Amino acid sequence: MVLTAEAVALLPFTGPLAVSALLVGGVLCPGFARPYVTVGRQGLTVTPGRLPCPRIRVPLEAMTGASHRESDALGDFGGWGYRIRPGASGVILRSGSTLFVRRAGGRDWHRTRESSSS
């Protein structure tokens, strides 16, 4: 929303080419703003908001366990977003309560919860 408003505000001063990146970002960002996590018979699936892809899947047979614990987004993962580090990967939205999935190969998958009600 903010990117789209900035694009509209800058349009009279810069022209359509200069604001096209802001417009594209303003249209695409809401689709990635809130990932959905589904756990079922097929395993764990994460999709970015209302978009069908990219999709992260961890098959049930590839999981050896799951738990939750506290994590620090910056300290444990080096930031926010889709993070990959040695031995682990995940979607990190904030510090706090985090879903940890242990994979059969020993690699962890993490997803921080947006709020205590998620």
PDB file of N, CA and C in Angstrom:
ATOM      1  N   MET A   1       0.818  -1.178   0.000  1.00  0.00           N
ATOM      2  CA  MET A   1       0.000   0.000   0.000  1.00  0.00           C
ATOM      3  C   MET A   1       0.875   1.261   0.000  1.00  0.00           C
ATOM      4  N   VAL A   2       1.907   1.262   0.842  1.00  0.00           N
ATOM      5  CA  VAL A   2       2.790   2.426   0.926  1.00  0.00           C
ATOM      6  C   VAL A   2       3.554   2.620  -0.383  1.00  0.00           C
ATOM      7  N   LEU A   3       4.030   1.517  -0.977  1.00  0.00           N
ATOM      8  CA  LEU A   3       4.766   1.633  -2.237  1.00  0.00           C
ATOM      9  C   LEU A   3       3.882   2.190  -3.345  1.00  0.00           C
ATOM     10  N   THR A   4       2.645   1.776  -3.388  1.00  0.00           N
ATOM     11  CA  THR A   4       1.714   2.272  -4.399  1.00  0.00           C
ATOM     12  C   THR A   4       1.437   3.756  -4.183  1.00  0.00           C
ATOM     13  N   ALA A   5       1.258   4.165  -2.931  1.00  0.00           N
ATOM     14  CA  ALA A   5       1.023   5.586  -2.628  1.00  0.00           C
ATOM     15  C   ALA A   5       2.239   6.429  -3.009  1.00  0.00           C
ATOM     16  N   GLU A   6       3.440   5.920  -2.746  1.00  0.00           N
ATOM     17  CA  GLU A   6       4.657   6.647  -3.133  1.00  0.00           C
ATOM     18  C   GLU A   6       4.741   6.777  -4.649  1.00  0.00           C
ATOM     19  N   ALA A   7       4.391   5.731  -5.352  1.00  0.00           N
ATOM     20  CA  ALA A   7       4.441   5.766  -6.810  1.00  0.00           C
ATOM     21  C   ALA A   7       3.491   6.830  -7.353  1.00  0.00           C
ATOM     22  N   VAL A   8       2.289   6.880  -6.802  1.00  0.00           N
ATOM     23  CA  VAL A   8       1.307   7.875  -7.249  1.00  0.00           C
ATOM     24  C   VAL A   8       1.794   9.293  -6.928  1.00  0.00           C
ATOM     25  N   ALA A   9       2.392   9.474  -5.757  1.00  0.00           N
ATOM     26  CA  ALA A   9       2.883  10.802  -5.359  1.00  0.00           C
ATOM     27  C   ALA A   9       4.059  11.254  -6.226  1.00  0.00           C
ATOM     28  N   LEU A  10       4.934  10.328  -6.633  1.00  0.00           N
ATOM     29  CA  LEU A  10       6.112  10.683  -7.425  1.00  0.00           C
ATOM     30  C   LEU A  10       5.836  10.788  -8.920  1.00  0.00           C
ATOM     31  N   LEU A  11       4.748  10.229  -9.388  1.00  0.00           N
ATOM     32  CA  LEU A  11       4.445  10.201 -10.817  1.00  0.00           C
ATOM     33  C   LEU A  11       4.507  11.567 -11.499  1.00  0.00           C
ATOM     34  N   PRO A  12       3.923  12.629 -10.944  1.00  0.00           N
ATOM     35  CA  PRO A  12       3.988  13.925 -11.635  1.00  0.00           C
ATOM     36  C   PRO A  12       5.407  14.489 -11.747  1.00  0.00           C
ATOM     37  N   PHE A  13       6.303  14.078 -10.873  1.00  0.00           N
ATOM     38  CA  PHE A  13       7.656  14.631 -10.854  1.00  0.00           C
ATOM     39  C   PHE A  13       8.667  13.810 -11.644  1.00  0.00           C
ATOM     40  N   THR A  14       8.438  12.509 -11.775  1.00  0.00           N
ATOM     41  CA  THR A  14       9.448  11.658 -12.391  1.00  0.00           C
ATOM     42  C   THR A  14       8.998  10.963 -13.664  1.00  0.00           C
ATOM     43  N   GLY A  15       7.732  10.771 -13.850  1.00  0.00           N
ATOM     44  CA  GLY A  15       7.240  10.075 -15.032  1.00  0.00           C
ATOM     45  C   GLY A  15       6.975   8.604 -14.759  1.00  0.00           C
ATOM     46  N   PRO A  16       6.295   7.939 -15.676  1.00  0.00           N
ATOM     47  CA  PRO A  16       5.855   6.565 -15.459  1.00  0.00           C
ATOM     48  C   PRO A  16       6.978   5.532 -15.367  1.00  0.00           C
ATOM     49  N   LEU A  17       8.056   5.718 -16.100  1.00  0.00           N
ATOM     50  CA  LEU A  17       9.140   4.735 -16.053  1.00  0.00           C
ATOM     51  C   LEU A  17       9.820   4.683 -14.690  1.00  0.00           C
ATOM     52  N   ALA A  18      10.015   5.806 -14.078  1.00  0.00           N
ATOM     53  CA  ALA A  18      10.717   5.860 -12.792  1.00  0.00           C
ATOM     54  C   ALA A  18       9.913   5.243 -11.658  1.00  0.00           C
ATOM     55  N   VAL A  19       8.599   5.298 -11.753  1.00  0.00           N
ATOM     56  CA  VAL A  19       7.778   4.765 -10.653  1.00  0.00           C
ATOM     57  C   VAL A  19       7.283   3.343 -10.921  1.00  0.00           C
ATOM     58  N   SER A  20       7.616   2.768 -12.060  1.00  0.00           N
ATOM     59  CA  SER A  20       7.108   1.434 -12.394  1.00  0.00           C
ATOM     60  C   SER A  20       7.560   0.372 -11.385  1.00  0.00           C
ATOM     61  N   ALA A  21       8.797   0.466 -10.889  1.00  0.00           N
ATOM     62  CA  ALA A  21       9.272  -0.509  -9.897  1.00  0.00           C
ATOM     63  C   ALA A  21       8.475  -0.409  -8.598  1.00  0.00           C
ATOM     64  N   LEU A  22       8.146   0.813  -8.188  1.00  0.00           N
ATOM     65  CA  LEU A  22       7.327   0.992  -6.983  1.00  0.00           C
ATOM     66  C   LEU A  22       5.926   0.422  -7.187  1.00  0.00           C
ATOM     67  N   LEU A  23       5.363   0.621  -8.359  1.00  0.00           N
ATOM     68  CA  LEU A  23       4.033   0.080  -8.639  1.00  0.00           C
ATOM     69  C   LEU A  23       4.041  -1.444  -8.634  1.00  0.00           C
ATOM     70  N   VAL A  24       5.036  -2.042  -9.263  1.00  0.00           N
ATOM     71  CA  VAL A  24       5.144  -3.508  -9.274  1.00  0.00           C
ATOM     72  C   VAL A  24       5.321  -4.028  -7.849  1.00  0.00           C
ATOM     73  N   GLY A  25       6.178  -3.391  -7.071  1.00  0.00           N
ATOM     74  CA  GLY A  25       6.371  -3.786  -5.678  1.00  0.00           C
ATOM     75  C   GLY A  25       5.106  -3.621  -4.853  1.00  0.00           C
ATOM     76  N   GLY A  26       4.376  -2.556  -5.090  1.00  0.00           N
ATOM     77  CA  GLY A  26       3.128  -2.314  -4.364  1.00  0.00           C
ATOM     78  C   GLY A  26       2.061  -3.345  -4.671  1.00  0.00           C
ATOM     79  N   VAL A  27       2.088  -3.881  -5.877  1.00  0.00           N
ATOM     80  CA  VAL A  27       1.120  -4.903  -6.257  1.00  0.00           C
ATOM     81  C   VAL A  27       1.544  -6.282  -5.737  1.00  0.00           C
ATOM     82  N   LEU A  28       2.830  -6.598  -5.779  1.00  0.00           N
ATOM     83  CA  LEU A  28       3.302  -7.932  -5.388  1.00  0.00           C
ATOM     84  C   LEU A  28       3.480  -8.125  -3.884  1.00  0.00           C
ATOM     85  N   CYS A  29       3.882  -7.091  -3.165  1.00  0.00           N
ATOM     86  CA  CYS A  29       4.181  -7.241  -1.729  1.00  0.00           C
ATOM     87  C   CYS A  29       3.036  -7.815  -0.892  1.00  0.00           C
ATOM     88  N   PRO A  30       1.789  -7.381  -1.074  1.00  0.00           N
ATOM     89  CA  PRO A  30       0.723  -7.952  -0.248  1.00  0.00           C
ATOM     90  C   PRO A  30       0.562  -9.462  -0.421  1.00  0.00           C
ATOM     91  N   GLY A  31       0.902  -9.982  -1.579  1.00  0.00           N
ATOM     92  CA  GLY A  31       0.818 -11.422  -1.806  1.00  0.00           C
ATOM     93  C   GLY A  31       1.809 -12.225  -0.996  1.00  0.00           C
ATOM     94  N   PHE A  32       2.911 -11.607  -0.627  1.00  0.00           N
ATOM     95  CA  PHE A  32       3.939 -12.292   0.153  1.00  0.00           C
ATOM     96  C   PHE A  32       3.907 -11.915   1.627  1.00  0.00           C
ATOM     97  N   ALA A  33       3.011 -11.029   2.020  1.00  0.00           N
ATOM     98  CA  ALA A  33       3.044 -10.444   3.354  1.00  0.00           C
ATOM     99  C   ALA A  33       2.734 -11.412   4.483  1.00  0.00           C
ATOM    100  N   ARG A  34       1.933 -12.415   4.253  1.00  0.00           N
ATOM    101  CA  ARG A  34       1.546 -13.319   5.339  1.00  0.00           C
ATOM    102  C   ARG A  34       1.542 -14.759   4.836  1.00  0.00           C
ATOM    103  N   PRO A  35       2.583 -15.508   5.115  1.00  0.00           N
ATOM    104  CA  PRO A  35       2.618 -16.895   4.666  1.00  0.00           C
ATOM    105  C   PRO A  35       1.615 -17.759   5.428  1.00  0.00           C
ATOM    106  N   TYR A  36       1.087 -18.755   4.736  1.00  0.00           N
ATOM    107  CA  TYR A  36       0.164 -19.707   5.340  1.00  0.00           C
ATOM    108  C   TYR A  36       0.871 -21.039   5.528  1.00  0.00           C
ATOM    109  N   VAL A  37       0.743 -21.603   6.716  1.00  0.00           N
ATOM    110  CA  VAL A  37       1.358 -22.890   7.039  1.00  0.00           C
ATOM    111  C   VAL A  37       0.244 -23.904   7.226  1.00  0.00           C
ATOM    112  N   THR A  38       0.347 -25.028   6.508  1.00  0.00           N
ATOM    113  CA  THR A  38      -0.625 -26.096   6.608  1.00  0.00           C
ATOM    114  C   THR A  38       0.100 -27.382   6.977  1.00  0.00           C
ATOM    115  N   VAL A  39      -0.429 -28.092   7.960  1.00  0.00           N
ATOM    116  CA  VAL A  39       0.127 -29.384   8.357  1.00  0.00           C
ATOM    117  C   VAL A  39      -0.980 -30.414   8.191  1.00  0.00           C
ATOM    118  N   GLY A  40      -0.698 -31.475   7.461  1.00  0.00           N
ATOM    119  CA  GLY A  40      -1.693 -32.512   7.216  1.00  0.00           C
ATOM    120  C   GLY A  40      -1.032 -33.834   6.898  1.00  0.00           C
ATOM    121  N   ARG A  41      -1.789 -34.726   6.269  1.00  0.00           N
ATOM    122  CA  ARG A  41      -1.256 -36.054   5.930  1.00  0.00           C
ATOM    123  C   ARG A  41      -0.099 -35.990   4.948  1.00  0.00           C
ATOM    124  N   GLN A  42      -0.086 -34.957   4.111  1.00  0.00           N
ATOM    125  CA  GLN A  42       1.011 -34.818   3.144  1.00  0.00           C
ATOM    126  C   GLN A  42       2.260 -34.217   3.782  1.00  0.00           C
ATOM    127  N   GLY A  43       2.145 -33.655   4.982  1.00  0.00           N
ATOM    128  CA  GLY A  43       3.278 -33.037   5.656  1.00  0.00           C
ATOM    129  C   GLY A  43       3.056 -31.557   5.876  1.00  0.00           C
ATOM    130  N   LEU A  44       4.123 -30.788   5.810  1.00  0.00           N
ATOM    131  CA  LEU A  44       4.116 -29.356   6.067  1.00  0.00           C
ATOM    132  C   LEU A  44       4.183 -28.612   4.737  1.00  0.00           C
ATOM    133  N   THR A  45       3.305 -27.627   4.547  1.00  0.00           N
ATOM    134  CA  THR A  45       3.302 -26.803   3.340  1.00  0.00           C
ATOM    135  C   THR A  45       3.247 -25.340   3.748  1.00  0.00           C
ATOM    136  N   VAL A  46       4.107 -24.514   3.142  1.00  0.00           N
ATOM    137  CA  VAL A  46       4.111 -23.076   3.390  1.00  0.00           C
ATOM    138  C   VAL A  46       3.936 -22.384   2.046  1.00  0.00           C
ATOM    139  N   THR A  47       2.914 -21.509   1.955  1.00  0.00           N
ATOM    140  CA  THR A  47       2.699 -20.715   0.755  1.00  0.00           C
ATOM    141  C   THR A  47       2.729 -19.244   1.140  1.00  0.00           C
ATOM    142  N   PRO A  48       3.245 -18.383   0.273  1.00  0.00           N
ATOM    143  CA  PRO A  48       3.351 -16.956   0.596  1.00  0.00           C
ATOM    144  C   PRO A  48       2.037 -16.218   0.396  1.00  0.00           C
ATOM    145  N   GLY A  49       1.299 -16.057   1.454  1.00  0.00           N
ATOM    146  CA  GLY A  49       0.044 -15.311   1.371  1.00  0.00           C
ATOM    147  C   GLY A  49      -0.949 -15.979   0.460  1.00  0.00           C
ATOM    148  N   ARG A  50      -1.490 -15.217  -0.453  1.00  0.00           N
ATOM    149  CA  ARG A  50      -2.523 -15.735  -1.345  1.00  0.00           C
ATOM    150  C   ARG A  50      -1.956 -16.241  -2.677  1.00  0.00           C
ATOM    151  N   LEU A  51      -0.648 -16.208  -2.818  1.00  0.00           N
ATOM    152  CA  LEU A  51      -0.030 -16.664  -4.060  1.00  0.00           C
ATOM    153  C   LEU A  51       0.208 -18.173  -4.011  1.00  0.00           C
ATOM    154  N   PRO A  52       0.044 -18.876  -5.133  1.00  0.00           N
ATOM    155  CA  PRO A  52       0.239 -20.325  -5.131  1.00  0.00           C
ATOM    156  C   PRO A  52       1.705 -20.759  -5.144  1.00  0.00           C
ATOM    157  N   CYS A  53       2.616 -19.864  -5.481  1.00  0.00           N
ATOM    158  CA  CYS A  53       4.019 -20.229  -5.505  1.00  0.00           C
ATOM    159  C   CYS A  53       4.866 -19.018  -5.152  1.00  0.00           C
ATOM    160  N   PRO A  54       6.068 -19.123  -4.683  1.00  0.00           N
ATOM    161  CA  PRO A  54       6.762 -20.381  -4.423  1.00  0.00           C
ATOM    162  C   PRO A  54       6.162 -21.089  -3.214  1.00  0.00           C
ATOM    163  N   ARG A  55       6.238 -22.383  -3.214  1.00  0.00           N
ATOM    164  CA  ARG A  55       5.662 -23.208  -2.167  1.00  0.00           C
ATOM    165  C   ARG A  55       6.767 -24.061  -1.566  1.00  0.00           C
ATOM    166  N   ILE A  56       6.796 -24.118  -0.245  1.00  0.00           N
ATOM    167  CA  ILE A  56       7.776 -24.952   0.465  1.00  0.00           C
ATOM    168  C   ILE A  56       7.034 -26.162   0.993  1.00  0.00           C
ATOM    169  N   ARG A  57       7.537 -27.353   0.702  1.00  0.00           N
ATOM    170  CA  ARG A  57       6.900 -28.583   1.177  1.00  0.00           C
ATOM    171  C   ARG A  57       7.919 -29.456   1.891  1.00  0.00           C
ATOM    172  N   VAL A  58       7.504 -29.988   3.023  1.00  0.00           N
ATOM    173  CA  VAL A  58       8.284 -30.989   3.746  1.00  0.00           C
ATOM    174  C   VAL A  58       7.354 -32.188   3.901  1.00  0.00           C
ATOM    175  N   PRO A  59       7.575 -33.275   3.157  1.00  0.00           N
ATOM    176  CA  PRO A  59       6.706 -34.444   3.252  1.00  0.00           C
ATOM    177  C   PRO A  59       6.723 -35.036   4.658  1.00  0.00           C
ATOM    178  N   LEU A  60       5.600 -35.637   5.059  1.00  0.00           N
ATOM    179  CA  LEU A  60       5.467 -36.213   6.390  1.00  0.00           C
ATOM    180  C   LEU A  60       6.540 -37.260   6.652  1.00  0.00           C
ATOM    181  N   GLU A  61       6.846 -38.075   5.651  1.00  0.00           N
ATOM    182  CA  GLU A  61       7.871 -39.121   5.834  1.00  0.00           C
ATOM    183  C   GLU A  61       9.284 -38.542   5.973  1.00  0.00           C
ATOM    184  N   ALA A  62       9.472 -37.274   5.602  1.00  0.00           N
ATOM    185  CA  ALA A  62      10.777 -36.622   5.744  1.00  0.00           C
ATOM    186  C   ALA A  62      10.943 -35.959   7.111  1.00  0.00           C
ATOM    187  N   MET A  63       9.890 -35.971   7.951  1.00  0.00           N
ATOM    188  CA  MET A  63       9.944 -35.356   9.281  1.00  0.00           C
ATOM    189  C   MET A  63      10.163 -36.418  10.346  1.00  0.00           C
ATOM    190  N   THR A  64      11.006 -36.089  11.320  1.00  0.00           N
ATOM    191  CA  THR A  64      11.208 -36.994  12.453  1.00  0.00           C
ATOM    192  C   THR A  64      10.646 -36.415  13.745  1.00  0.00           C
ATOM    193  N   GLY A  65      10.254 -35.158  13.748  1.00  0.00           N
ATOM    194  CA  GLY A  65       9.670 -34.550  14.940  1.00  0.00           C
ATOM    195  C   GLY A  65       9.379 -33.081  14.732  1.00  0.00           C
ATOM    196  N   ALA A  66       8.597 -32.523  15.660  1.00  0.00           N
ATOM    197  CA  ALA A  66       8.258 -31.095  15.612  1.00  0.00           C
ATOM    198  C   ALA A  66       8.097 -30.586  17.041  1.00  0.00           C
ATOM    199  N   SER A  67       8.456 -29.335  17.250  1.00  0.00           N
ATOM    200  CA  SER A  67       8.308 -28.713  18.565  1.00  0.00           C
ATOM    201  C   SER A  67       8.262 -27.203  18.366  1.00  0.00           C
ATOM    202  N   HIS A  68       8.097 -26.487  19.461  1.00  0.00           N
ATOM    203  CA  HIS A  68       8.206 -25.037  19.363  1.00  0.00           C
ATOM    204  C   HIS A  68       9.089 -24.544  20.505  1.00  0.00           C
ATOM    205  N   ARG A  69       9.781 -23.450  20.234  1.00  0.00           N
ATOM    206  CA  ARG A  69      10.635 -22.814  21.235  1.00  0.00           C
ATOM    207  C   ARG A  69      10.852 -21.371  20.834  1.00  0.00           C
ATOM    208  N   GLU A  70      11.445 -20.618  21.727  1.00  0.00           N
ATOM    209  CA  GLU A  70      11.729 -19.204  21.475  1.00  0.00           C
ATOM    210  C   GLU A  70      12.972 -19.083  20.588  1.00  0.00           C
ATOM    211  N   SER A  71      12.959 -18.094  19.693  1.00  0.00           N
ATOM    212  CA  SER A  71      14.128 -17.825  18.862  1.00  0.00           C
ATOM    213  C   SER A  71      14.268 -16.321  18.672  1.00  0.00           C
ATOM    214  N   ASP A  72      15.468 -15.906  18.318  1.00  0.00           N
ATOM    215  CA  ASP A  72      15.782 -14.510  18.038  1.00  0.00           C
ATOM    216  C   ASP A  72      16.066 -14.394  16.540  1.00  0.00           C
ATOM    217  N   ALA A  73      15.213 -13.676  15.820  1.00  0.00           N
ATOM    218  CA  ALA A  73      15.337 -13.593  14.362  1.00  0.00           C
ATOM    219  C   ALA A  73      16.709 -13.100  13.924  1.00  0.00           C
ATOM    220  N   LEU A  74      17.187 -12.036  14.524  1.00  0.00           N
ATOM    221  CA  LEU A  74      18.477 -11.477  14.119  1.00  0.00           C
ATOM    222  C   LEU A  74      19.637 -12.319  14.636  1.00  0.00           C
ATOM    223  N   GLY A  75      19.581 -12.729  15.896  1.00  0.00           N
ATOM    224  CA  GLY A  75      20.677 -13.485  16.488  1.00  0.00           C
ATOM    225  C   GLY A  75      20.788 -14.913  15.981  1.00  0.00           C
ATOM    226  N   ASP A  76      19.651 -15.604  15.828  1.00  0.00           N
ATOM    227  CA  ASP A  76      19.672 -17.007  15.413  1.00  0.00           C
ATOM    228  C   ASP A  76      19.712 -17.193  13.899  1.00  0.00           C
ATOM    229  N   PHE A  77      19.106 -16.255  13.158  1.00  0.00           N
ATOM    230  CA  PHE A  77      18.970 -16.448  11.711  1.00  0.00           C
ATOM    231  C   PHE A  77      19.573 -15.337  10.877  1.00  0.00           C
ATOM    232  N   GLY A  78      20.013 -14.249  11.502  1.00  0.00           N
ATOM    233  CA  GLY A  78      20.622 -13.157  10.759  1.00  0.00           C
ATOM    234  C   GLY A  78      19.635 -12.251  10.059  1.00  0.00           C
ATOM    235  N   GLY A  79      18.356 -12.318  10.438  1.00  0.00           N
ATOM    236  CA  GLY A  79      17.380 -11.422   9.838  1.00  0.00           C
ATOM    237  C   GLY A  79      16.026 -12.060   9.653  1.00  0.00           C
ATOM    238  N   TRP A  80      15.226 -11.436   8.772  1.00  0.00           N
ATOM    239  CA  TRP A  80      13.849 -11.850   8.562  1.00  0.00           C
ATOM    240  C   TRP A  80      13.657 -12.256   7.113  1.00  0.00           C
ATOM    241  N   GLY A  81      12.628 -13.063   6.856  1.00  0.00           N
ATOM    242  CA  GLY A  81      12.340 -13.538   5.509  1.00  0.00           C
ATOM    243  C   GLY A  81      12.639 -15.019   5.410  1.00  0.00           C
ATOM    244  N   TYR A  82      12.808 -15.520   4.185  1.00  0.00           N
ATOM    245  CA  TYR A  82      13.191 -16.919   4.000  1.00  0.00           C
ATOM    246  C   TYR A  82      14.687 -17.002   4.231  1.00  0.00           C
ATOM    247  N   ARG A  83      15.097 -17.726   5.251  1.00  0.00           N
ATOM    248  CA  ARG A  83      16.507 -17.775   5.651  1.00  0.00           C
ATOM    249  C   ARG A  83      17.050 -19.187   5.478  1.00  0.00           C
ATOM    250  N   ILE A  84      18.264 -19.272   4.983  1.00  0.00           N
ATOM    251  CA  ILE A  84      18.962 -20.542   4.844  1.00  0.00           C
ATOM    252  C   ILE A  84      20.283 -20.405   5.570  1.00  0.00           C
ATOM    253  N   ARG A  85      20.571 -21.340   6.461  1.00  0.00           N
ATOM    254  CA  ARG A  85      21.840 -21.369   7.173  1.00  0.00           C
ATOM    255  C   ARG A  85      22.283 -22.820   7.265  1.00  0.00           C
ATOM    256  N   PRO A  86      23.533 -23.095   7.604  1.00  0.00           N
ATOM    257  CA  PRO A  86      23.997 -24.482   7.681  1.00  0.00           C
ATOM    258  C   PRO A  86      23.134 -25.306   8.647  1.00  0.00           C
ATOM    259  N   GLY A  87      22.549 -26.377   8.143  1.00  0.00           N
ATOM    260  CA  GLY A  87      21.747 -27.269   8.964  1.00  0.00           C
ATOM    261  C   GLY A  87      20.310 -26.847   9.169  1.00  0.00           C
ATOM    262  N   ALA A  88      19.892 -25.710   8.619  1.00  0.00           N
ATOM    263  CA  ALA A  88      18.512 -25.259   8.848  1.00  0.00           C
ATOM    264  C   ALA A  88      18.075 -24.257   7.785  1.00  0.00           C
ATOM    265  N   SER A  89      16.763 -24.147   7.616  1.00  0.00           N
ATOM    266  CA  SER A  89      16.172 -23.120   6.767  1.00  0.00           C
ATOM    267  C   SER A  89      14.801 -22.803   7.339  1.00  0.00           C
ATOM    268  N   GLY A  90      14.214 -21.678   6.928  1.00  0.00           N
ATOM    269  CA  GLY A  90      12.891 -21.363   7.432  1.00  0.00           C
ATOM    270  C   GLY A  90      12.383 -20.005   7.016  1.00  0.00           C
ATOM    271  N   VAL A  91      11.120 -19.760   7.344  1.00  0.00           N
ATOM    272  CA  VAL A  91      10.466 -18.477   7.118  1.00  0.00           C
ATOM    273  C   VAL A  91      10.442 -17.769   8.464  1.00  0.00           C
ATOM    274  N   ILE A  92      11.221 -16.705   8.592  1.00  0.00           N
ATOM    275  CA  ILE A  92      11.373 -15.998   9.859  1.00  0.00           C
ATOM    276  C   ILE A  92      10.651 -14.656   9.749  1.00  0.00           C
ATOM    277  N   LEU A  93       9.585 -14.496  10.543  1.00  0.00           N
ATOM    278  CA  LEU A  93       8.793 -13.272  10.486  1.00  0.00           C
ATOM    279  C   LEU A  93       9.101 -12.329  11.631  1.00  0.00           C
ATOM    280  N   ARG A  94       9.488 -12.878  12.773  1.00  0.00           N
ATOM    281  CA  ARG A  94       9.791 -12.076  13.953  1.00  0.00           C
ATOM    282  C   ARG A  94      10.472 -12.967  14.973  1.00  0.00           C
ATOM    283  N   SER A  95      10.990 -12.363  16.028  1.00  0.00           N
ATOM    284  CA  SER A  95      11.527 -13.130  17.144  1.00  0.00           C
ATOM    285  C   SER A  95      10.357 -13.617  17.993  1.00  0.00           C
ATOM    286  N   GLY A  96      10.559 -14.708  18.697  1.00  0.00           N
ATOM    287  CA  GLY A  96       9.506 -15.223  19.575  1.00  0.00           C
ATOM    288  C   GLY A  96       9.269 -16.696  19.359  1.00  0.00           C
ATOM    289  N   SER A  97       8.030 -17.112  19.591  1.00  0.00           N
ATOM    290  CA  SER A  97       7.644 -18.515  19.483  1.00  0.00           C
ATOM    291  C   SER A  97       7.836 -19.003  18.052  1.00  0.00           C
ATOM    292  N   THR A  98       8.541 -20.122  17.907  1.00  0.00           N
ATOM    293  CA  THR A  98       8.926 -20.628  16.594  1.00  0.00           C
ATOM    294  C   THR A  98       8.592 -22.098  16.467  1.00  0.00           C
ATOM    295  N   LEU A  99       8.022 -22.505  15.330  1.00  0.00           N
ATOM    296  CA  LEU A  99       7.783 -23.905  15.020  1.00  0.00           C
ATOM    297  C   LEU A  99       9.072 -24.481  14.460  1.00  0.00           C
ATOM    298  N   PHE A 100       9.578 -25.559  15.075  1.00  0.00           N
ATOM    299  CA  PHE A 100      10.774 -26.244  14.610  1.00  0.00           C
ATOM    300  C   PHE A 100      10.377 -27.625  14.117  1.00  0.00           C
ATOM    301  N   VAL A 101      10.763 -27.975  12.898  1.00  0.00           N
ATOM    302  CA  VAL A 101      10.504 -29.290  12.336  1.00  0.00           C
ATOM    303  C   VAL A 101      11.841 -29.953  12.084  1.00  0.00           C
ATOM    304  N   ARG A 102      12.045 -31.115  12.689  1.00  0.00           N
ATOM    305  CA  ARG A 102      13.280 -31.887  12.488  1.00  0.00           C
ATOM    306  C   ARG A 102      13.072 -32.789  11.289  1.00  0.00           C
ATOM    307  N   ARG A 103      13.965 -32.668  10.313  1.00  0.00           N
ATOM    308  CA  ARG A 103      13.869 -33.480   9.101  1.00  0.00           C
ATOM    309  C   ARG A 103      14.708 -34.734   9.237  1.00  0.00           C
ATOM    310  N   ALA A 104      14.365 -35.743   8.465  1.00  0.00           N
ATOM    311  CA  ALA A 104      15.034 -37.042   8.547  1.00  0.00           C
ATOM    312  C   ALA A 104      16.536 -36.938   8.288  1.00  0.00           C
ATOM    313  N   GLY A 105      16.958 -36.031   7.447  1.00  0.00           N
ATOM    314  CA  GLY A 105      18.378 -35.876   7.147  1.00  0.00           C
ATOM    315  C   GLY A 105      19.134 -35.088   8.210  1.00  0.00           C
ATOM    316  N   GLY A 106      18.439 -34.692   9.289  1.00  0.00           N
ATOM    317  CA  GLY A 106      19.080 -33.934  10.353  1.00  0.00           C
ATOM    318  C   GLY A 106      18.960 -32.440  10.204  1.00  0.00           C
ATOM    319  N   ARG A 107      18.390 -31.977   9.098  1.00  0.00           N
ATOM    320  CA  ARG A 107      18.238 -30.546   8.854  1.00  0.00           C
ATOM    321  C   ARG A 107      16.940 -30.062   9.494  1.00  0.00           C
ATOM    322  N   ASP A 108      16.962 -28.863  10.101  1.00  0.00           N
ATOM    323  CA  ASP A 108      15.777 -28.291  10.741  1.00  0.00           C
ATOM    324  C   ASP A 108      15.071 -27.342   9.786  1.00  0.00           C
ATOM    325  N   TRP A 109      13.779 -27.212   9.964  1.00  0.00           N
ATOM    326  CA  TRP A 109      12.986 -26.215   9.257  1.00  0.00           C
ATOM    327  C   TRP A 109      12.263 -25.394  10.316  1.00  0.00           C
ATOM    328  N   HIS A 110      12.246 -24.063  10.163  1.00  0.00           N
ATOM    329  CA  HIS A 110      11.694 -23.168  11.180  1.00  0.00           C
ATOM    330  C   HIS A 110      10.657 -22.247  10.558  1.00  0.00           C
ATOM    331  N   ARG A 111       9.697 -21.870  11.387  1.00  0.00           N
ATOM    332  CA  ARG A 111       8.731 -20.846  10.995  1.00  0.00           C
ATOM    333  C   ARG A 111       8.324 -20.109  12.249  1.00  0.00           C
ATOM    334  N   THR A 112       8.593 -18.798  12.292  1.00  0.00           N
ATOM    335  CA  THR A 112       8.179 -18.016  13.440  1.00  0.00           C
ATOM    336  C   THR A 112       6.723 -17.657  13.285  1.00  0.00           C
ATOM    337  N   ARG A 113       6.027 -17.619  14.382  1.00  0.00           N
ATOM    338  CA  ARG A 113       4.608 -17.299  14.372  1.00  0.00           C
ATOM    339  C   ARG A 113       4.436 -15.795  14.410  1.00  0.00           C
ATOM    340  N   GLU A 114       3.424 -15.285  13.694  1.00  0.00           N
ATOM    341  CA  GLU A 114       3.183 -13.841  13.645  1.00  0.00           C
ATOM    342  C   GLU A 114       2.616 -13.324  14.948  1.00  0.00           C
ATOM    343  N   SER A 115       1.787 -14.107  15.585  1.00  0.00           N
ATOM    344  CA  SER A 115       1.222 -13.690  16.859  1.00  0.00           C
ATOM    345  C   SER A 115       0.924 -14.926  17.676  1.00  0.00           C
ATOM    346  N   SER A 116       0.574 -14.730  18.948  1.00  0.00           N
ATOM    347  CA  SER A 116       0.329 -15.864  19.813  1.00  0.00           C
ATOM    348  C   SER A 116      -0.928 -16.634  19.427  1.00  0.00           C
ATOM    349  N   SER A 117      -1.789 -16.060  18.579  1.00  0.00           N
ATOM    350  CA  SER A 117      -2.998 -16.748  18.163  1.00  0.00           C
ATOM    351  C   SER A 117      -2.818 -17.561  16.894  1.00  0.00           C
ATOM    352  N   SER A 118      -1.667 -17.466  16.211  1.00  0.00           N
ATOM    353  CA  SER A 118      -1.432 -18.211  14.963  1.00  0.00           C
ATOM    354  C   SER A 118      -1.155 -19.656  15.237  1.00  0.00           C
TER     355      SER A 118
END
